[in-house]
Structures are given as C-alpha cells and as structure tokens.
Amino acid sequence: MRGIDTRAIAYGFGALALAICGFVVYQDIFVRDVVAMIIALYGANHIVVDGRPRQLLNVVAVSVLAVTAFILSFSFLPTFIAFCTGFFVLLVSIKYFLIKDHDSGWFGAFSAEILGALFLFIIELILVVIQGVFFPS
C-alpha cells in the first residue's frame, strides 16, 4: 500500500482492541473524544505541514491511539504523570506517523500537537454544548 503507514493502522487497531476490551469505561465520551481528536489533528497537520493533505486513515489511527493512551493513563496514574504520558504518546505518534516525510522534525510535531490541543479544546466545547442541548441527562 503506497502512502499509508501500516504500523499506524496496527497501533490504531491495537488501541481500539484495548478500548473494546473494557479498559475504556465511557463509550460515548470515547467516541466523542476520537471524533474531536480526528478533526483537530487533521486541521493542525494541514496547517503545520505546508497544507499537504495527510492520509485520513493515519490520522484516525493516531487519534484512537492517543485517546486510548490518555484514558488509560488517567485511569491508572496520578494526574500530572498521566498528562505528561499522554502528551508524550501523542507527540511521538504525530512525529512518526503524520509528519515523518516533512523536514520540521520534533519542533513540527510539537507545534502540531499544541495547535491540535487548541483545536481540540474548541471542538470539545462545541460538542459538549451540543450533547447537553440534544441529550440532556
């Protein structure tokens, strides 16, 4: 397969298998977080990597891996260590799966991660408001 990193697909399916096996307790929050992460990472990488479109399948795999890493680390580790672990997993996965053919290196991965975090914050706020309006508990 030309242009698609098979390791990203394997890691994404591995993270999805962990999520399905019961490590992720709140399925609706997991799906909402994955959708928001996909939109945020796709937009951030589109801006950072010279406007070249990335393969959506790699973005989906990195998003599932990152959300699962964040949920698992916050489930089993103290808050600060879990936050650092989740961002490290996201940084490494962005570097090796999304901007591997770009010359920006670790700085590009870090800037894509920060920009993606800003996009993610805005998207999560919008999704939480929509969820609260249409599905009140």
Protein backbone atom coordinates (compact mmCIF):
# COMPACT_ATOMS: atom_id res chain seq x y z
CA MET A 1 0.00 0.00 0.00
CA ARG A 2 1.57 3.22 -1.12
CA GLY A 3 1.42 6.19 1.23
CA ILE A 4 -0.27 4.50 4.19
CA ASP A 5 1.84 3.54 7.17
CA THR A 6 0.82 0.04 8.19
CA ARG A 7 2.30 0.45 11.66
CA ALA A 8 -0.14 3.30 12.35
CA ILE A 9 -3.03 1.07 11.34
CA ALA A 10 -1.76 -1.75 13.57
CA TYR A 11 -1.31 0.56 16.57
CA GLY A 12 -4.72 2.10 15.99
CA PHE A 13 -6.40 -1.31 15.88
CA GLY A 14 -4.45 -2.35 18.98
CA ALA A 15 -5.68 0.73 20.82
CA LEU A 16 -9.20 0.07 19.57
CA ALA A 17 -8.95 -3.52 20.83
CA LEU A 18 -7.92 -2.22 24.27
CA ALA A 19 -10.87 0.15 24.24
CA ILE A 20 -13.32 -2.58 23.24
CA CYS A 21 -11.99 -4.99 25.87
CA GLY A 22 -13.32 -2.78 28.64
CA PHE A 23 -10.45 -0.50 29.57
CA VAL A 24 -12.49 2.46 28.35
CA VAL A 25 -15.50 2.76 30.60
CA TYR A 26 -17.41 5.63 28.99
CA GLN A 27 -18.01 4.67 25.37
CA ASP A 28 -19.91 7.81 24.36
CA ILE A 29 -17.13 10.01 25.72
CA PHE A 30 -14.55 7.84 23.92
CA VAL A 31 -16.31 8.21 20.57
CA ARG A 32 -16.77 11.96 21.07
CA ASP A 33 -13.09 12.37 22.00
CA VAL A 34 -11.92 10.35 18.99
CA VAL A 35 -14.08 12.39 16.60
CA ALA A 36 -12.81 15.64 18.11
CA MET A 37 -9.19 14.44 18.00
CA ILE A 38 -9.51 13.41 14.34
CA ILE A 39 -10.79 16.85 13.36
CA ALA A 40 -8.19 18.65 15.48
CA LEU A 41 -5.20 16.59 14.30
CA TYR A 42 -6.23 16.76 10.66
CA GLY A 43 -6.55 20.54 10.83
CA ALA A 44 -3.34 21.04 12.79
CA ASN A 45 -1.29 18.83 10.49
CA HIS A 46 -2.79 20.51 7.44
CA ILE A 47 -1.57 23.87 8.77
CA VAL A 48 1.85 22.71 10.01
CA VAL A 49 2.83 20.51 7.07
CA ASP A 50 2.57 23.10 4.27
CA GLY A 51 -1.06 22.43 3.50
CA ARG A 52 -0.36 18.95 2.15
CA PRO A 53 -3.28 16.70 2.98
CA ARG A 54 -2.48 13.74 5.19
CA GLN A 55 -3.96 10.31 4.88
CA LEU A 56 -7.13 10.26 6.92
CA LEU A 57 -6.55 6.66 7.96
CA ASN A 58 -3.25 7.60 9.66
CA VAL A 59 -4.98 10.48 11.45
CA VAL A 60 -7.73 8.12 12.63
CA ALA A 61 -5.18 5.58 13.88
CA VAL A 62 -3.17 8.24 15.75
CA SER A 63 -6.36 9.69 17.24
CA VAL A 64 -7.58 6.32 18.53
CA LEU A 65 -4.11 5.58 19.93
CA ALA A 66 -3.82 8.98 21.62
CA VAL A 67 -7.31 8.97 23.15
CA THR A 68 -6.81 5.43 24.44
CA ALA A 69 -3.41 6.37 25.89
CA PHE A 70 -4.90 9.40 27.62
CA ILE A 71 -7.82 7.44 29.06
CA LEU A 72 -5.64 4.54 30.22
CA SER A 73 -3.00 6.82 31.73
CA PHE A 74 -5.60 8.90 33.58
CA SER A 75 -7.20 5.68 34.84
CA PHE A 76 -4.04 4.22 36.38
CA LEU A 77 -1.55 7.08 37.01
CA PRO A 78 -1.51 10.30 39.03
CA THR A 79 -2.82 13.32 37.13
CA PHE A 80 0.43 15.11 36.26
CA ILE A 81 2.24 11.92 35.23
CA ALA A 82 -0.80 10.82 33.19
CA PHE A 83 -0.92 14.19 31.43
CA CYS A 84 2.80 14.01 30.58
CA THR A 85 2.48 10.39 29.43
CA GLY A 86 -0.49 11.14 27.20
CA PHE A 87 1.19 14.13 25.58
CA PHE A 88 4.40 12.14 25.06
CA VAL A 89 2.49 9.34 23.31
CA LEU A 90 0.72 11.92 21.16
CA LEU A 91 3.99 13.71 20.33
CA VAL A 92 5.77 10.52 19.30
CA SER A 93 2.83 9.26 17.26
CA ILE A 94 2.50 12.61 15.44
CA LYS A 95 6.23 12.64 14.72
CA TYR A 96 6.47 9.12 13.35
CA PHE A 97 3.09 8.68 11.68
CA LEU A 98 1.91 12.07 10.47
CA ILE A 99 4.92 14.28 9.71
CA LYS A 100 7.60 11.66 9.06
CA ASP A 101 8.23 12.85 5.49
CA HIS A 102 8.40 16.54 6.42
CA ASP A 103 11.64 18.25 7.45
CA SER A 104 10.26 20.08 10.50
CA GLY A 105 11.18 17.23 12.87
CA TRP A 106 10.33 17.30 16.56
CA PHE A 107 9.55 21.02 16.55
CA GLY A 108 6.95 20.48 13.84
CA ALA A 109 5.45 17.60 15.80
CA PHE A 110 5.35 19.72 18.96
CA SER A 111 3.76 22.67 17.17
CA ALA A 112 1.19 20.35 15.53
CA GLU A 113 0.44 18.90 18.97
CA ILE A 114 -0.05 22.33 20.58
CA LEU A 115 -2.16 23.59 17.67
CA GLY A 116 -4.16 20.36 17.77
CA ALA A 117 -4.71 20.81 21.51
CA LEU A 118 -6.10 24.30 20.91
CA PHE A 119 -8.39 22.99 18.15
CA LEU A 120 -9.38 20.09 20.39
CA PHE A 121 -10.37 22.43 23.22
CA ILE A 122 -12.65 24.44 20.93
CA ILE A 123 -14.17 21.35 19.31
CA GLU A 124 -14.74 19.66 22.68
CA LEU A 125 -16.57 22.75 23.97
CA ILE A 126 -18.83 22.74 20.92
CA LEU A 127 -19.51 19.00 21.20
CA VAL A 128 -20.25 19.22 24.94
CA VAL A 129 -22.76 22.03 24.33
CA ILE A 130 -24.39 20.05 21.51
CA GLN A 131 -24.50 16.94 23.68
CA GLY A 132 -26.04 18.93 26.55
CA VAL A 133 -28.68 20.51 24.33
CA PHE A 134 -29.79 17.43 22.40
CA PHE A 135 -29.17 14.74 25.02
CA PRO A 136 -29.87 16.23 28.46
CA SER A 137 -29.40 13.84 31.32
